[in-house]
Amino acid sequence: WSPDGQWIYYIDTRLKTASWYNPDDGGAISSYALKYPVLCRIRPDGTGRQDILSSLVKSGSLESFYWIRQPSISPDGTTAVVISDGPTGPGLAGSGDTVVHLVNLQTGKLEPALPLSENPPLGHSEPAYSPDGSKIAYVMEGRSGADGAPGIWRYDVKTGNARLLAAGFRSPSWSPDGKYMAATRVSGSRLDVVVLDAATGQQVAQVTYDGFSWAPVWSPAGDELVYMHLSSTVVDLDMTHVNRSGTAFEFRMEPNLTEYSGLDGSSRAAWYVPVGGNASAS
């Protein structure tokens, strides 16, 4: 959602016939089915659909694409932070790993990658604007043997400085007051929802203990968390109510927000609260 609730931003995957070098035919140019992402927005009632940024790249008669993933919208609604390897496609000069970029939502321009360190070729993921827009949390992907070794980093928009906030965590979601982050703790193949101090990265609370819960998202009122949960082979959306007294947290679970729904495990929920209304998650 845009902060004012006027737009829903999403990635649309499109299909077309394009031409590119065929490595199985001595590099001759052949037709192929090209799938490419487009950053779009639409009104909550389903009207006013707009294309903001297409990843389609043309080089003469050849066509390719770059990735656009995981948009997070700035509080003032003017900028999106995304994960991309643009502005050129694979095999073309200027292509790189999928890392943090900004998108100007007025012009639809993909800005150059932010000058952030990474672990090539693993790149970055899951960027999230802080409630006041002064920080961007993101994940630097890493690897330890066969397991992932992610870490949440915090980028200061004004100074351009970035620092490691918490190693072994991913999926940052800022609390509405900006003091905490809900996150996924990664322990080998086990995933659990926790709460971190947004300034120090210290874990201050643990929400789940089952090893099959991830991608938490804080409600705009700060009183609920929703997250993905795996039961057998089916992904559903669960919720917990959050009571906070000072720095102490208490959680009251309300599981099975959906039941046997088979959600996309790589997606995340999104909250919006209309003025004078009740919260809803999508």
C-alpha atoms as a PDB file:
ATOM      1  CA  TRP A   1       0.000   0.000   0.000  1.00  0.00           C
ATOM      2  CA  SER A   2       1.006   3.611  -0.489  1.00  0.00           C
ATOM      3  CA  PRO A   3       1.117   5.387   2.893  1.00  0.00           C
ATOM      4  CA  ASP A   4      -1.994   7.421   2.051  1.00  0.00           C
ATOM      5  CA  GLY A   5      -3.949   4.310   1.051  1.00  0.00           C
ATOM      6  CA  GLN A   6      -4.602   5.590  -2.471  1.00  0.00           C
ATOM      7  CA  TRP A   7      -2.546   2.976  -4.323  1.00  0.00           C
ATOM      8  CA  ILE A   8      -1.520  -0.662  -4.136  1.00  0.00           C
ATOM      9  CA  TYR A   9       1.924  -1.291  -5.670  1.00  0.00           C
ATOM     10  CA  TYR A  10       2.799  -4.700  -7.085  1.00  0.00           C
ATOM     11  CA  ILE A  11       5.014  -6.555  -9.550  1.00  0.00           C
ATOM     12  CA  ASP A  12       3.272  -7.794 -12.704  1.00  0.00           C
ATOM     13  CA  THR A  13       4.997 -10.577 -14.674  1.00  0.00           C
ATOM     14  CA  ARG A  14       4.374 -10.312 -18.418  1.00  0.00           C
ATOM     15  CA  LEU A  15       5.052 -12.613 -21.352  1.00  0.00           C
ATOM     16  CA  LYS A  16       6.087 -11.789 -24.910  1.00  0.00           C
ATOM     17  CA  THR A  17       7.998 -13.298 -27.819  1.00  0.00           C
ATOM     18  CA  ALA A  18      11.478 -11.791 -28.094  1.00  0.00           C
ATOM     19  CA  SER A  19      14.820 -12.408 -29.829  1.00  0.00           C
ATOM     20  CA  TRP A  20      18.192 -13.236 -28.248  1.00  0.00           C
ATOM     21  CA  TYR A  21      21.410 -15.141 -28.937  1.00  0.00           C
ATOM     22  CA  ASN A  22      20.906 -18.916 -28.903  1.00  0.00           C
ATOM     23  CA  PRO A  23      23.914 -20.618 -27.254  1.00  0.00           C
ATOM     24  CA  ASP A  24      22.718 -23.998 -28.582  1.00  0.00           C
ATOM     25  CA  ASP A  25      22.881 -22.748 -32.163  1.00  0.00           C
ATOM     26  CA  GLY A  26      26.309 -21.163 -32.285  1.00  0.00           C
ATOM     27  CA  GLY A  27      25.060 -17.823 -31.004  1.00  0.00           C
ATOM     28  CA  ALA A  28      22.550 -17.332 -33.797  1.00  0.00           C
ATOM     29  CA  ILE A  29      19.594 -15.087 -32.989  1.00  0.00           C
ATOM     30  CA  SER A  30      16.434 -17.011 -32.158  1.00  0.00           C
ATOM     31  CA  SER A  31      12.977 -16.275 -30.823  1.00  0.00           C
ATOM     32  CA  TYR A  32      12.134 -17.214 -27.241  1.00  0.00           C
ATOM     33  CA  ALA A  33       9.406 -16.679 -24.638  1.00  0.00           C
ATOM     34  CA  LEU A  34      10.442 -13.719 -22.500  1.00  0.00           C
ATOM     35  CA  LYS A  35       8.925 -13.180 -19.060  1.00  0.00           C
ATOM     36  CA  TYR A  36       9.693  -9.794 -17.549  1.00  0.00           C
ATOM     37  CA  PRO A  37       8.530  -7.874 -14.438  1.00  0.00           C
ATOM     38  CA  VAL A  38       6.817  -4.475 -14.400  1.00  0.00           C
ATOM     39  CA  LEU A  39       6.341  -2.306 -11.300  1.00  0.00           C
ATOM     40  CA  CYS A  40       2.674  -1.257 -11.324  1.00  0.00           C
ATOM     41  CA  ARG A  41       0.105   0.418  -9.145  1.00  0.00           C
ATOM     42  CA  ILE A  42      -3.668   0.261  -8.991  1.00  0.00           C
ATOM     43  CA  ARG A  43      -6.445   1.899  -6.977  1.00  0.00           C
ATOM     44  CA  PRO A  44      -7.899  -0.208  -4.142  1.00  0.00           C
ATOM     45  CA  ASP A  45     -11.194  -0.478  -6.064  1.00  0.00           C
ATOM     46  CA  GLY A  46      -9.387  -1.999  -9.067  1.00  0.00           C
ATOM     47  CA  THR A  47      -9.377   1.108 -11.282  1.00  0.00           C
ATOM     48  CA  GLY A  48      -6.607   3.393 -12.535  1.00  0.00           C
ATOM     49  CA  ARG A  49      -3.964   0.760 -13.220  1.00  0.00           C
ATOM     50  CA  GLN A  50      -0.611   2.329 -14.159  1.00  0.00           C
ATOM     51  CA  ASP A  51       2.776   0.991 -15.242  1.00  0.00           C
ATOM     52  CA  ILE A  52       5.532   2.713 -13.264  1.00  0.00           C
ATOM     53  CA  LEU A  53       8.703   0.904 -14.384  1.00  0.00           C
ATOM     54  CA  SER A  54       9.161  -1.791 -17.018  1.00  0.00           C
ATOM     55  CA  SER A  55      12.238  -4.022 -16.903  1.00  0.00           C
ATOM     56  CA  LEU A  56      12.212  -4.659 -20.651  1.00  0.00           C
ATOM     57  CA  VAL A  57      15.630  -3.898 -22.199  1.00  0.00           C
ATOM     58  CA  LYS A  58      16.120  -3.487 -25.949  1.00  0.00           C
ATOM     59  CA  SER A  59      19.427  -3.652 -27.810  1.00  0.00           C
ATOM     60  CA  GLY A  60      18.711  -3.311 -31.511  1.00  0.00           C
ATOM     61  CA  SER A  61      16.451  -6.225 -32.417  1.00  0.00           C
ATOM     62  CA  LEU A  62      17.336  -8.079 -29.196  1.00  0.00           C
ATOM     63  CA  GLU A  63      15.239  -7.934 -26.032  1.00  0.00           C
ATOM     64  CA  SER A  64      16.020  -8.959 -22.470  1.00  0.00           C
ATOM     65  CA  PHE A  65      15.032  -7.809 -18.958  1.00  0.00           C
ATOM     66  CA  TYR A  66      16.273  -7.016 -15.469  1.00  0.00           C
ATOM     67  CA  TRP A  67      14.717  -7.955 -12.140  1.00  0.00           C
ATOM     68  CA  ILE A  68      12.414  -5.700 -10.117  1.00  0.00           C
ATOM     69  CA  ARG A  69      11.470  -7.201  -6.765  1.00  0.00           C
ATOM     70  CA  GLN A  70      10.037  -6.423  -3.317  1.00  0.00           C
ATOM     71  CA  PRO A  71       8.998  -2.742  -3.551  1.00  0.00           C
ATOM     72  CA  SER A  72       8.676  -0.704  -0.343  1.00  0.00           C
ATOM     73  CA  ILE A  73       7.115   2.768  -0.617  1.00  0.00           C
ATOM     74  CA  SER A  74       8.544   5.820   1.167  1.00  0.00           C
ATOM     75  CA  PRO A  75       6.306   7.537   3.750  1.00  0.00           C
ATOM     76  CA  ASP A  76       5.915  10.587   1.492  1.00  0.00           C
ATOM     77  CA  GLY A  77       4.875   8.372  -1.435  1.00  0.00           C
ATOM     78  CA  THR A  78       7.491   9.736  -3.859  1.00  0.00           C
ATOM     79  CA  THR A  79       9.999   6.885  -3.903  1.00  0.00           C
ATOM     80  CA  ALA A  80      10.086   3.109  -3.897  1.00  0.00           C
ATOM     81  CA  VAL A  81      13.040   1.052  -2.754  1.00  0.00           C
ATOM     82  CA  VAL A  82      13.370  -2.171  -4.761  1.00  0.00           C
ATOM     83  CA  ILE A  83      15.763  -5.037  -5.396  1.00  0.00           C
ATOM     84  CA  SER A  84      17.085  -4.997  -8.973  1.00  0.00           C
ATOM     85  CA  ASP A  85      20.040  -5.848 -11.218  1.00  0.00           C
ATOM     86  CA  GLY A  86      19.111  -3.070 -13.673  1.00  0.00           C
ATOM     87  CA  PRO A  87      19.263  -0.940 -15.656  1.00  0.00           C
ATOM     88  CA  THR A  88      20.619  -3.404 -18.244  1.00  0.00           C
ATOM     89  CA  GLY A  89      19.826  -7.048 -18.826  1.00  0.00           C
ATOM     90  CA  PRO A  90      22.061 -10.109 -18.396  1.00  0.00           C
ATOM     91  CA  GLY A  91      24.900 -10.277 -20.846  1.00  0.00           C
ATOM     92  CA  LEU A  92      24.841  -6.506 -21.390  1.00  0.00           C
ATOM     93  CA  ALA A  93      27.280  -3.920 -20.038  1.00  0.00           C
ATOM     94  CA  GLY A  94      26.288  -2.582 -16.624  1.00  0.00           C
ATOM     95  CA  SER A  95      24.439  -5.664 -15.415  1.00  0.00           C
ATOM     96  CA  GLY A  96      25.181  -6.804 -11.889  1.00  0.00           C
ATOM     97  CA  ASP A  97      23.765  -8.593  -8.866  1.00  0.00           C
ATOM     98  CA  THR A  98      20.280  -7.948  -7.491  1.00  0.00           C
ATOM     99  CA  VAL A  99      20.835  -5.151  -4.971  1.00  0.00           C
ATOM    100  CA  VAL A 100      19.065  -2.127  -3.462  1.00  0.00           C
ATOM    101  CA  HIS A 101      17.885   0.597  -5.857  1.00  0.00           C
ATOM    102  CA  LEU A 102      15.517   3.550  -5.560  1.00  0.00           C
ATOM    103  CA  VAL A 103      12.717   4.248  -8.046  1.00  0.00           C
ATOM    104  CA  ASN A 104      11.363   7.764  -8.597  1.00  0.00           C
ATOM    105  CA  LEU A 105       7.595   7.177  -8.618  1.00  0.00           C
ATOM    106  CA  GLN A 106       6.905  10.468 -10.439  1.00  0.00           C
ATOM    107  CA  THR A 107       9.239   9.793 -13.367  1.00  0.00           C
ATOM    108  CA  GLY A 108       9.404   5.993 -13.238  1.00  0.00           C
ATOM    109  CA  LYS A 109      13.213   6.141 -13.304  1.00  0.00           C
ATOM    110  CA  LEU A 110      15.332   3.393 -11.775  1.00  0.00           C
ATOM    111  CA  GLU A 111      18.155   5.114  -9.904  1.00  0.00           C
ATOM    112  CA  PRO A 112      21.680   3.618  -9.753  1.00  0.00           C
ATOM    113  CA  ALA A 113      22.301   0.973  -7.109  1.00  0.00           C
ATOM    114  CA  LEU A 114      22.953   2.367  -3.649  1.00  0.00           C
ATOM    115  CA  PRO A 115      26.672   2.122  -2.740  1.00  0.00           C
ATOM    116  CA  LEU A 116      26.248  -0.807  -0.361  1.00  0.00           C
ATOM    117  CA  SER A 117      28.542  -3.764   0.250  1.00  0.00           C
ATOM    118  CA  GLU A 118      27.337  -7.257  -0.625  1.00  0.00           C
ATOM    119  CA  ASN A 119      28.444 -10.881  -0.827  1.00  0.00           C
ATOM    120  CA  PRO A 120      28.668 -11.408  -4.618  1.00  0.00           C
ATOM    121  CA  PRO A 121      26.745 -12.844  -6.323  1.00  0.00           C
ATOM    122  CA  LEU A 122      24.119 -13.175  -3.555  1.00  0.00           C
ATOM    123  CA  GLY A 123      23.151  -9.487  -3.387  1.00  0.00           C
ATOM    124  CA  HIS A 124      20.405  -7.963  -1.234  1.00  0.00           C
ATOM    125  CA  SER A 125      16.725  -8.561  -0.497  1.00  0.00           C
ATOM    126  CA  GLU A 126      13.677  -7.392   1.481  1.00  0.00           C
ATOM    127  CA  PRO A 127      14.164  -3.604   1.724  1.00  0.00           C
ATOM    128  CA  ALA A 128      11.846  -1.691   4.069  1.00  0.00           C
ATOM    129  CA  TYR A 129      11.492   2.047   4.678  1.00  0.00           C
ATOM    130  CA  SER A 130      11.354   3.173   8.306  1.00  0.00           C
ATOM    131  CA  PRO A 131       8.123   4.943   9.363  1.00  0.00           C
ATOM    132  CA  ASP A 132       9.788   8.382   9.161  1.00  0.00           C
ATOM    133  CA  GLY A 133      11.610   7.611   5.888  1.00  0.00           C
ATOM    134  CA  SER A 134      15.051   8.310   7.350  1.00  0.00           C
ATOM    135  CA  LYS A 135      16.270   4.688   7.255  1.00  0.00           C
ATOM    136  CA  ILE A 136      16.031   1.683   4.983  1.00  0.00           C
ATOM    137  CA  ALA A 137      16.397  -1.783   6.457  1.00  0.00           C
ATOM    138  CA  TYR A 138      17.501  -4.487   4.034  1.00  0.00           C
ATOM    139  CA  VAL A 139      18.986  -7.977   4.043  1.00  0.00           C
ATOM    140  CA  MET A 140      22.505  -8.749   2.885  1.00  0.00           C
ATOM    141  CA  GLU A 141      22.386 -12.340   1.719  1.00  0.00           C
ATOM    142  CA  GLY A 142      25.120 -14.714   2.863  1.00  0.00           C
ATOM    143  CA  ARG A 143      25.914 -18.393   2.975  1.00  0.00           C
ATOM    144  CA  SER A 144      27.284 -20.830   5.538  1.00  0.00           C
ATOM    145  CA  GLY A 145      27.815 -24.220   3.907  1.00  0.00           C
ATOM    146  CA  ALA A 146      24.457 -25.359   2.558  1.00  0.00           C
ATOM    147  CA  ASP A 147      22.532 -22.888   4.735  1.00  0.00           C
ATOM    148  CA  GLY A 148      21.697 -19.261   4.198  1.00  0.00           C
ATOM    149  CA  ALA A 149      23.402 -16.745   6.457  1.00  0.00           C
ATOM    150  CA  PRO A 150      21.470 -13.474   6.045  1.00  0.00           C
ATOM    151  CA  GLY A 151      21.902 -10.307   8.047  1.00  0.00           C
ATOM    152  CA  ILE A 152      19.697  -7.241   8.475  1.00  0.00           C
ATOM    153  CA  TRP A 153      21.469  -3.965   7.687  1.00  0.00           C
ATOM    154  CA  ARG A 154      20.292  -0.400   8.301  1.00  0.00           C
ATOM    155  CA  TYR A 155      20.978   2.361   5.751  1.00  0.00           C
ATOM    156  CA  ASP A 156      20.787   6.032   6.720  1.00  0.00           C
ATOM    157  CA  VAL A 157      19.144   7.923   3.833  1.00  0.00           C
ATOM    158  CA  LYS A 158      20.659  11.297   4.800  1.00  0.00           C
ATOM    159  CA  THR A 159      24.259  10.261   5.494  1.00  0.00           C
ATOM    160  CA  GLY A 160      24.504   7.269   3.172  1.00  0.00           C
ATOM    161  CA  ASN A 161      26.019   5.167   5.953  1.00  0.00           C
ATOM    162  CA  ALA A 162      25.056   1.508   6.352  1.00  0.00           C
ATOM    163  CA  ARG A 163      25.782  -0.844   9.225  1.00  0.00           C
ATOM    164  CA  LEU A 164      24.994  -4.401  10.206  1.00  0.00           C
ATOM    165  CA  LEU A 165      22.094  -4.435  12.631  1.00  0.00           C
ATOM    166  CA  ALA A 166      21.562  -8.157  13.277  1.00  0.00           C
ATOM    167  CA  ALA A 167      23.314 -11.226  11.831  1.00  0.00           C
ATOM    168  CA  GLY A 168      21.218 -14.359  11.325  1.00  0.00           C
ATOM    169  CA  PHE A 169      17.946 -12.540  10.661  1.00  0.00           C
ATOM    170  CA  ARG A 170      15.859 -11.502   7.645  1.00  0.00           C
ATOM    171  CA  SER A 171      12.426 -10.053   6.692  1.00  0.00           C
ATOM    172  CA  PRO A 172      12.601  -6.767   8.654  1.00  0.00           C
ATOM    173  CA  SER A 173       9.286  -5.028   9.440  1.00  0.00           C
ATOM    174  CA  TRP A 174       9.399  -1.730  11.351  1.00  0.00           C
ATOM    175  CA  SER A 175       7.020  -1.104  14.231  1.00  0.00           C
ATOM    176  CA  PRO A 176       4.911   2.037  13.657  1.00  0.00           C
ATOM    177  CA  ASP A 177       6.968   4.034  16.178  1.00  0.00           C
ATOM    178  CA  GLY A 178      10.233   2.909  14.551  1.00  0.00           C
ATOM    179  CA  LYS A 179      11.635   1.519  17.812  1.00  0.00           C
ATOM    180  CA  TYR A 180      11.409  -2.180  16.946  1.00  0.00           C
ATOM    181  CA  MET A 181      11.570  -4.574  14.018  1.00  0.00           C
ATOM    182  CA  ALA A 182       9.718  -7.816  13.639  1.00  0.00           C
ATOM    183  CA  ALA A 183      11.993 -10.225  11.789  1.00  0.00           C
ATOM    184  CA  THR A 184      12.619 -13.845  10.876  1.00  0.00           C
ATOM    185  CA  ARG A 185      15.383 -15.575  12.834  1.00  0.00           C
ATOM    186  CA  VAL A 186      17.256 -18.063  10.629  1.00  0.00           C
ATOM    187  CA  SER A 187      18.771 -21.076  12.419  1.00  0.00           C
ATOM    188  CA  GLY A 188      19.806 -23.515   9.701  1.00  0.00           C
ATOM    189  CA  SER A 189      16.503 -24.592   8.180  1.00  0.00           C
ATOM    190  CA  ARG A 190      14.452 -23.339  11.146  1.00  0.00           C
ATOM    191  CA  LEU A 191      12.576 -20.055  10.776  1.00  0.00           C
ATOM    192  CA  ASP A 192      10.916 -18.219  13.670  1.00  0.00           C
ATOM    193  CA  VAL A 193       9.361 -14.788  14.168  1.00  0.00           C
ATOM    194  CA  VAL A 194      11.088 -12.507  16.682  1.00  0.00           C
ATOM    195  CA  VAL A 195      11.218  -8.831  17.677  1.00  0.00           C
ATOM    196  CA  LEU A 196      14.462  -6.827  17.510  1.00  0.00           C
ATOM    197  CA  ASP A 197      15.443  -3.473  18.943  1.00  0.00           C
ATOM    198  CA  ALA A 198      15.653  -1.277  15.800  1.00  0.00           C
ATOM    199  CA  ALA A 199      18.572   0.733  17.179  1.00  0.00           C
ATOM    200  CA  THR A 200      20.789  -2.043  18.569  1.00  0.00           C
ATOM    201  CA  GLY A 201      19.602  -5.164  16.729  1.00  0.00           C
ATOM    202  CA  GLN A 202      19.255  -7.030  20.026  1.00  0.00           C
ATOM    203  CA  GLN A 203      16.483  -9.637  20.136  1.00  0.00           C
ATOM    204  CA  VAL A 204      13.979  -8.476  22.749  1.00  0.00           C
ATOM    205  CA  ALA A 205      11.167 -11.009  22.232  1.00  0.00           C
ATOM    206  CA  GLN A 206      10.341 -14.258  20.441  1.00  0.00           C
ATOM    207  CA  VAL A 207       6.918 -14.770  18.891  1.00  0.00           C
ATOM    208  CA  THR A 208       7.050 -18.345  17.510  1.00  0.00           C
ATOM    209  CA  TYR A 209       8.977 -21.476  18.476  1.00  0.00           C
ATOM    210  CA  ASP A 210       7.847 -23.945  15.820  1.00  0.00           C
ATOM    211  CA  GLY A 211      10.629 -23.414  13.252  1.00  0.00           C
ATOM    212  CA  PHE A 212       8.129 -22.943  10.419  1.00  0.00           C
ATOM    213  CA  SER A 213       7.122 -19.265  10.703  1.00  0.00           C
ATOM    214  CA  TRP A 214       8.512 -16.325   8.728  1.00  0.00           C
ATOM    215  CA  ALA A 215       7.931 -12.947   7.023  1.00  0.00           C
ATOM    216  CA  PRO A 216       6.225 -11.006   9.857  1.00  0.00           C
ATOM    217  CA  VAL A 217       4.479  -7.715   9.124  1.00  0.00           C
ATOM    218  CA  TRP A 218       3.481  -5.237  11.825  1.00  0.00           C
ATOM    219  CA  SER A 219       0.016  -3.698  11.805  1.00  0.00           C
ATOM    220  CA  PRO A 220      -0.133   0.119  11.461  1.00  0.00           C
ATOM    221  CA  ALA A 221      -1.485   0.347  15.005  1.00  0.00           C
ATOM    222  CA  GLY A 222       1.387  -1.752  16.351  1.00  0.00           C
ATOM    223  CA  ASP A 223      -0.942  -4.144  18.158  1.00  0.00           C
ATOM    224  CA  GLU A 224      -0.793  -7.142  15.814  1.00  0.00           C
ATOM    225  CA  LEU A 225       1.649  -9.154  13.724  1.00  0.00           C
ATOM    226  CA  VAL A 226       0.797 -11.379  10.785  1.00  0.00           C
ATOM    227  CA  TYR A 227       3.252 -13.896   9.347  1.00  0.00           C
ATOM    228  CA  MET A 228       3.541 -16.906   7.064  1.00  0.00           C
ATOM    229  CA  HIS A 229       3.339 -20.345   8.671  1.00  0.00           C
ATOM    230  CA  LEU A 230       3.990 -23.774   7.176  1.00  0.00           C
ATOM    231  CA  SER A 231       1.830 -26.689   8.301  1.00  0.00           C
ATOM    232  CA  SER A 232       2.845 -29.928   6.586  1.00  0.00           C
ATOM    233  CA  THR A 233       3.247 -28.632   3.002  1.00  0.00           C
ATOM    234  CA  VAL A 234       0.633 -25.862   3.126  1.00  0.00           C
ATOM    235  CA  VAL A 235       1.434 -22.175   3.772  1.00  0.00           C
ATOM    236  CA  ASP A 236      -1.116 -20.090   5.679  1.00  0.00           C
ATOM    237  CA  LEU A 237      -1.267 -16.643   7.276  1.00  0.00           C
ATOM    238  CA  ASP A 238      -1.238 -16.537  11.081  1.00  0.00           C
ATOM    239  CA  MET A 239      -1.663 -13.606  13.460  1.00  0.00           C
ATOM    240  CA  THR A 240      -0.680 -12.696  17.000  1.00  0.00           C
ATOM    241  CA  HIS A 241      -1.937  -9.828  19.137  1.00  0.00           C
ATOM    242  CA  VAL A 242       0.844  -7.736  20.672  1.00  0.00           C
ATOM    243  CA  ASN A 243       0.684  -6.163  24.110  1.00  0.00           C
ATOM    244  CA  ARG A 244       3.607  -3.926  25.043  1.00  0.00           C
ATOM    245  CA  SER A 245       4.375  -2.475  28.436  1.00  0.00           C
ATOM    246  CA  GLY A 246       7.524  -0.398  28.193  1.00  0.00           C
ATOM    247  CA  THR A 247      10.093  -2.795  26.718  1.00  0.00           C
ATOM    248  CA  ALA A 248       8.182  -5.947  27.735  1.00  0.00           C
ATOM    249  CA  PHE A 249       6.168  -7.846  25.119  1.00  0.00           C
ATOM    250  CA  GLU A 250       3.282 -10.247  25.511  1.00  0.00           C
ATOM    251  CA  PHE A 251       1.794 -12.176  22.587  1.00  0.00           C
ATOM    252  CA  ARG A 252      -1.637 -13.764  22.265  1.00  0.00           C
ATOM    253  CA  MET A 253      -1.834 -16.048  19.278  1.00  0.00           C
ATOM    254  CA  GLU A 254      -4.743 -16.156  16.893  1.00  0.00           C
ATOM    255  CA  PRO A 255      -3.664 -18.842  14.415  1.00  0.00           C
ATOM    256  CA  ASN A 256      -5.311 -19.865  11.161  1.00  0.00           C
ATOM    257  CA  LEU A 257      -6.117 -16.416   9.823  1.00  0.00           C
ATOM    258  CA  THR A 258      -6.305 -18.533   6.681  1.00  0.00           C
ATOM    259  CA  GLU A 259      -6.616 -22.316   6.703  1.00  0.00           C
ATOM    260  CA  TYR A 260      -5.215 -24.688   4.069  1.00  0.00           C
ATOM    261  CA  SER A 261      -5.080 -21.807   1.623  1.00  0.00           C
ATOM    262  CA  GLY A 262      -1.760 -22.628  -0.052  1.00  0.00           C
ATOM    263  CA  LEU A 263      -0.359 -19.087  -0.014  1.00  0.00           C
ATOM    264  CA  ASP A 264       2.767 -18.112  -1.940  1.00  0.00           C
ATOM    265  CA  GLY A 265       5.497 -18.678   0.642  1.00  0.00           C
ATOM    266  CA  SER A 266       7.770 -16.052  -0.907  1.00  0.00           C
ATOM    267  CA  SER A 267       5.142 -13.300  -0.588  1.00  0.00           C
ATOM    268  CA  ARG A 268       4.412 -11.020   2.372  1.00  0.00           C
ATOM    269  CA  ALA A 269       1.210  -9.593   3.764  1.00  0.00           C
ATOM    270  CA  ALA A 270       0.527  -5.834   3.536  1.00  0.00           C
ATOM    271  CA  TRP A 271      -1.475  -3.746   6.010  1.00  0.00           C
ATOM    272  CA  TYR A 272      -3.543  -0.618   5.585  1.00  0.00           C
ATOM    273  CA  VAL A 273      -5.760   1.275   8.044  1.00  0.00           C
ATOM    274  CA  PRO A 274      -8.274   3.720   6.502  1.00  0.00           C
ATOM    275  CA  VAL A 275      -8.945   6.933   8.366  1.00  0.00           C
ATOM    276  CA  GLY A 276     -11.494   6.212  11.087  1.00  0.00           C
ATOM    277  CA  GLY A 277     -11.629   2.567  10.071  1.00  0.00           C
ATOM    278  CA  ASN A 278     -10.348  -0.838  11.057  1.00  0.00           C
ATOM    279  CA  ALA A 279      -7.124  -2.478   9.950  1.00  0.00           C
ATOM    280  CA  SER A 280      -7.092  -4.922   7.081  1.00  0.00           C
ATOM    281  CA  ALA A 281      -4.368  -7.187   5.716  1.00  0.00           C
ATOM    282  CA  SER A 282      -3.920  -8.256   2.119  1.00  0.00           C
END
